[in-house]
Amino acid sequence: MRPSFLLLLLVAAQTTLAQSGSATKIPDPAFLNQVYCYKGDSLTALGRVDGRLENKMKALGFGGSQMGYSLEGARSAIRIRKTDTLRFVVKLAGSMMDPSMMLQLYRFEPKKNNRIALISSHSRFGGEEDVKNVVRLDVQAGGMNIFVLIPAEKLAPGEYGFMNKMALNQSGTNVSYTFYDFGIDP
C-alpha cells in the first residue's frame, strides 16, 4: 500500500508543477507563418508588406552595383520601444521546419519613401563591401510547432523586417517576397 501512496504523491506533485509552468505558456498564434511580437502574455501581429529585390548599377556599372530588398513606405506602422525585451513568435505548419531556414531578419534604412536593406555592394573593380543588415536570431521551441525568435544582439532604433524566404509572389516578371515589418523607437 505504501508504494501506491508514493506513486500517487509523485503524480500529484508532477501535475502541480505542470500546471504552474502553464502560466508562462506562449499564446497560440492565430495564423501559420505570421510573425508576432511577444510582449508580456500577448501577441501582436507585425505588419505584412511585399518587398522587392532590386539591383542598382551606378554610372552604367562603372561605379559599381548594389543589391538589396526594398519595402514601400518610410516607416512601419508597428512600433516597439527600444527598452522592450524583444521576442517574436511564429507558428509553422510542420514540426520538421527550422524557422531560421524560413525567416531572416533585416535592418532597413529609410530612403525617400522606401526602406532599403542592402545585401551586397560591389565596386567597379570587383571589391565587395561588407554589408551588415542581417540580424542573427536565436531560436527557442515554445510549444507544438511554435518558435520564439530572439535577436542575438540588442536592436538599435530603426526599421526592421522579417523576410519569409518561402513566400515568393510572382506576377508576370514582377517578383516579390513577404516581409513582416516593425520599427524600433528610442
Protein backbone atom coordinates (compact mmCIF):
# COMPACT_ATOMS: atom_id res chain seq x y z
CA MET A 1 0.00 0.00 0.00
CA ARG A 2 2.88 2.34 0.69
CA PRO A 3 4.38 2.27 -2.86
CA SER A 4 1.00 3.18 -4.37
CA PHE A 5 0.71 6.13 -1.96
CA LEU A 6 4.17 7.36 -3.02
CA LEU A 7 3.24 6.95 -6.66
CA LEU A 8 0.04 8.96 -6.11
CA LEU A 9 2.03 11.66 -4.32
CA LEU A 10 4.57 11.79 -7.17
CA VAL A 11 1.83 12.09 -9.81
CA ALA A 12 0.12 14.88 -7.83
CA ALA A 13 3.42 16.80 -7.50
CA GLN A 14 4.17 16.43 -11.21
CA THR A 15 0.66 17.66 -12.12
CA THR A 16 1.09 20.68 -9.84
CA LEU A 17 4.45 21.53 -11.44
CA ALA A 18 2.99 21.18 -14.94
CA GLN A 19 0.09 23.48 -14.07
CA SER A 20 2.37 26.11 -12.51
CA GLY A 21 4.53 26.06 -15.69
CA SER A 22 1.48 26.70 -17.85
CA ALA A 23 1.32 30.29 -16.54
CA THR A 24 4.33 31.08 -18.75
CA LYS A 25 2.91 29.26 -21.75
CA ILE A 26 3.23 31.16 -25.01
CA PRO A 27 -0.14 32.11 -26.53
CA ASP A 28 -1.09 30.14 -29.64
CA PRO A 29 -0.64 32.34 -32.76
CA ALA A 30 -3.81 32.69 -34.83
CA PHE A 31 -2.10 32.23 -38.22
CA LEU A 32 0.65 30.00 -39.58
CA ASN A 33 3.90 31.65 -40.77
CA GLN A 34 2.80 35.09 -39.46
CA VAL A 35 5.41 36.72 -37.21
CA TYR A 36 4.16 38.21 -33.94
CA CYS A 37 5.80 40.45 -31.34
CA TYR A 38 5.58 38.70 -27.96
CA LYS A 39 5.21 41.11 -25.00
CA GLY A 40 4.04 40.06 -21.58
CA ASP A 41 1.48 37.36 -22.27
CA SER A 42 0.11 38.68 -25.56
CA LEU A 43 0.97 38.56 -29.24
CA THR A 44 0.81 41.49 -31.68
CA ALA A 45 0.92 40.70 -35.40
CA LEU A 46 3.68 42.51 -37.27
CA GLY A 47 2.81 44.44 -40.43
CA ARG A 48 2.71 42.46 -43.64
CA VAL A 49 4.25 44.10 -46.71
CA ASP A 50 5.65 42.99 -50.04
CA GLY A 51 9.33 43.64 -50.72
CA ARG A 52 11.24 43.53 -53.97
CA LEU A 53 14.82 42.51 -54.69
CA GLU A 54 16.47 45.39 -56.54
CA ASN A 55 19.83 45.63 -58.27
CA LYS A 56 21.09 49.15 -58.96
CA MET A 57 24.02 49.95 -61.20
CA LYS A 58 25.94 53.18 -60.63
CA ALA A 59 27.16 55.08 -63.71
CA LEU A 60 26.25 52.25 -66.11
CA GLY A 61 28.15 49.77 -63.97
CA PHE A 62 31.41 51.73 -63.89
CA GLY A 63 30.58 53.00 -60.38
CA GLY A 64 29.74 49.52 -59.08
CA SER A 65 26.43 47.98 -58.10
CA GLN A 66 24.24 47.42 -55.07
CA MET A 67 21.62 44.78 -54.41
CA GLY A 68 19.03 44.83 -51.67
CA TYR A 69 15.42 44.47 -50.62
CA SER A 70 13.07 47.43 -50.90
CA LEU A 71 9.86 48.00 -48.93
CA GLU A 72 7.35 50.75 -49.71
CA GLY A 73 6.89 53.48 -47.11
CA ALA A 74 9.46 55.21 -44.94
CA ARG A 75 8.21 53.65 -41.67
CA SER A 76 6.37 50.63 -40.38
CA ALA A 77 3.04 51.18 -38.64
CA ILE A 78 4.07 48.70 -35.89
CA ARG A 79 6.32 50.47 -33.36
CA ILE A 80 8.23 48.91 -30.47
CA ARG A 81 10.16 50.79 -27.77
CA LYS A 82 13.90 50.21 -27.59
CA THR A 83 13.57 49.40 -23.89
CA ASP A 84 11.19 46.48 -24.53
CA THR A 85 12.55 42.94 -24.40
CA LEU A 86 12.33 41.81 -27.98
CA ARG A 87 10.90 38.39 -28.60
CA PHE A 88 8.98 37.26 -31.65
CA VAL A 89 6.81 34.21 -32.16
CA VAL A 90 5.95 32.22 -35.26
CA LYS A 91 3.87 29.07 -35.70
CA LEU A 92 4.99 26.80 -38.53
CA ALA A 93 2.97 24.21 -40.39
CA GLY A 94 5.40 21.32 -39.89
CA SER A 95 7.42 20.41 -36.85
CA MET A 96 10.39 19.42 -39.02
CA MET A 97 10.87 23.02 -40.28
CA ASP A 98 13.65 25.09 -38.75
CA PRO A 99 12.44 28.73 -38.58
CA SER A 100 15.94 30.05 -39.31
CA MET A 101 15.71 28.34 -42.72
CA MET A 102 12.46 30.18 -43.47
CA LEU A 103 12.75 33.59 -41.77
CA GLN A 104 15.55 36.17 -41.94
CA LEU A 105 15.58 39.47 -40.04
CA TYR A 106 16.94 42.54 -41.89
CA ARG A 107 17.66 46.11 -40.80
CA PHE A 108 16.30 48.70 -43.26
CA GLU A 109 17.43 52.26 -43.94
CA PRO A 110 14.80 54.84 -44.97
CA LYS A 111 15.48 56.35 -48.43
CA LYS A 112 12.92 58.75 -49.89
CA ASN A 113 9.57 56.96 -49.42
CA ASN A 114 11.08 53.45 -49.22
CA ARG A 115 13.11 51.32 -46.85
CA ILE A 116 16.19 49.58 -48.23
CA ALA A 117 18.18 46.65 -46.78
CA LEU A 118 21.39 46.26 -48.77
CA ILE A 119 22.57 42.68 -49.01
CA SER A 120 25.60 43.27 -51.26
CA SER A 121 27.62 46.14 -52.66
CA HIS A 122 30.32 45.76 -55.31
CA SER A 123 32.82 48.32 -56.54
CA ARG A 124 33.77 48.79 -60.16
CA PHE A 125 36.87 46.65 -59.74
CA GLY A 126 35.10 43.73 -58.07
CA GLY A 127 35.72 44.63 -54.44
CA GLU A 128 32.85 43.79 -52.14
CA GLU A 129 31.72 45.97 -49.24
CA ASP A 130 30.76 44.11 -46.06
CA VAL A 131 27.09 44.98 -45.61
CA LYS A 132 25.76 44.23 -42.11
CA ASN A 133 21.98 44.40 -42.45
CA VAL A 134 21.26 40.79 -41.50
CA VAL A 135 20.36 40.32 -37.83
CA ARG A 136 21.24 36.95 -36.29
CA LEU A 137 18.46 35.19 -34.41
CA ASP A 138 18.42 32.73 -31.54
CA VAL A 139 15.55 30.24 -31.78
CA GLN A 140 13.75 28.55 -28.88
CA ALA A 141 10.98 25.97 -29.00
CA GLY A 142 7.84 27.43 -27.47
CA GLY A 143 5.30 24.67 -27.92
CA MET A 144 3.85 22.45 -30.61
CA ASN A 145 5.19 23.99 -33.87
CA ILE A 146 5.62 27.37 -32.09
CA PHE A 147 9.03 29.05 -32.03
CA VAL A 148 10.38 32.09 -30.18
CA LEU A 149 12.79 34.23 -32.23
CA ILE A 150 15.16 36.38 -30.19
CA PRO A 151 17.60 38.83 -31.83
CA ALA A 152 21.15 37.78 -30.89
CA GLU A 153 22.08 41.43 -30.25
CA LYS A 154 20.14 44.43 -28.97
CA LEU A 155 18.42 46.18 -31.87
CA ALA A 156 19.21 49.85 -32.42
CA PRO A 157 16.38 52.28 -33.21
CA GLY A 158 15.35 51.95 -36.84
CA GLU A 159 13.29 49.92 -39.27
CA TYR A 160 13.33 46.11 -39.43
CA GLY A 161 11.59 43.30 -41.27
CA PHE A 162 11.40 39.52 -41.20
CA MET A 163 11.58 38.11 -44.72
CA ASN A 164 9.68 34.90 -45.32
CA LYS A 165 12.01 33.13 -47.77
CA MET A 166 9.27 30.63 -48.62
CA ALA A 167 6.61 33.24 -49.54
CA LEU A 168 7.52 34.24 -53.08
CA ASN A 169 4.86 36.15 -55.03
CA GLN A 170 5.10 36.36 -58.80
CA SER A 171 3.00 38.33 -61.25
CA GLY A 172 4.46 38.21 -64.73
CA THR A 173 8.07 39.34 -64.42
CA ASN A 174 7.48 41.07 -61.07
CA VAL A 175 8.73 39.03 -58.13
CA SER A 176 8.21 40.00 -54.50
CA TYR A 177 8.72 38.48 -51.07
CA THR A 178 6.55 38.72 -47.97
CA PHE A 179 8.04 40.76 -45.12
CA TYR A 180 6.73 41.27 -41.59
CA ASP A 181 7.90 44.76 -40.62
CA PHE A 182 8.27 46.78 -37.43
CA GLY A 183 10.19 49.77 -36.17
CA ILE A 184 12.21 50.36 -33.00
CA ASP A 185 11.72 53.76 -31.35
CA PRO A 186 14.21 55.26 -28.85
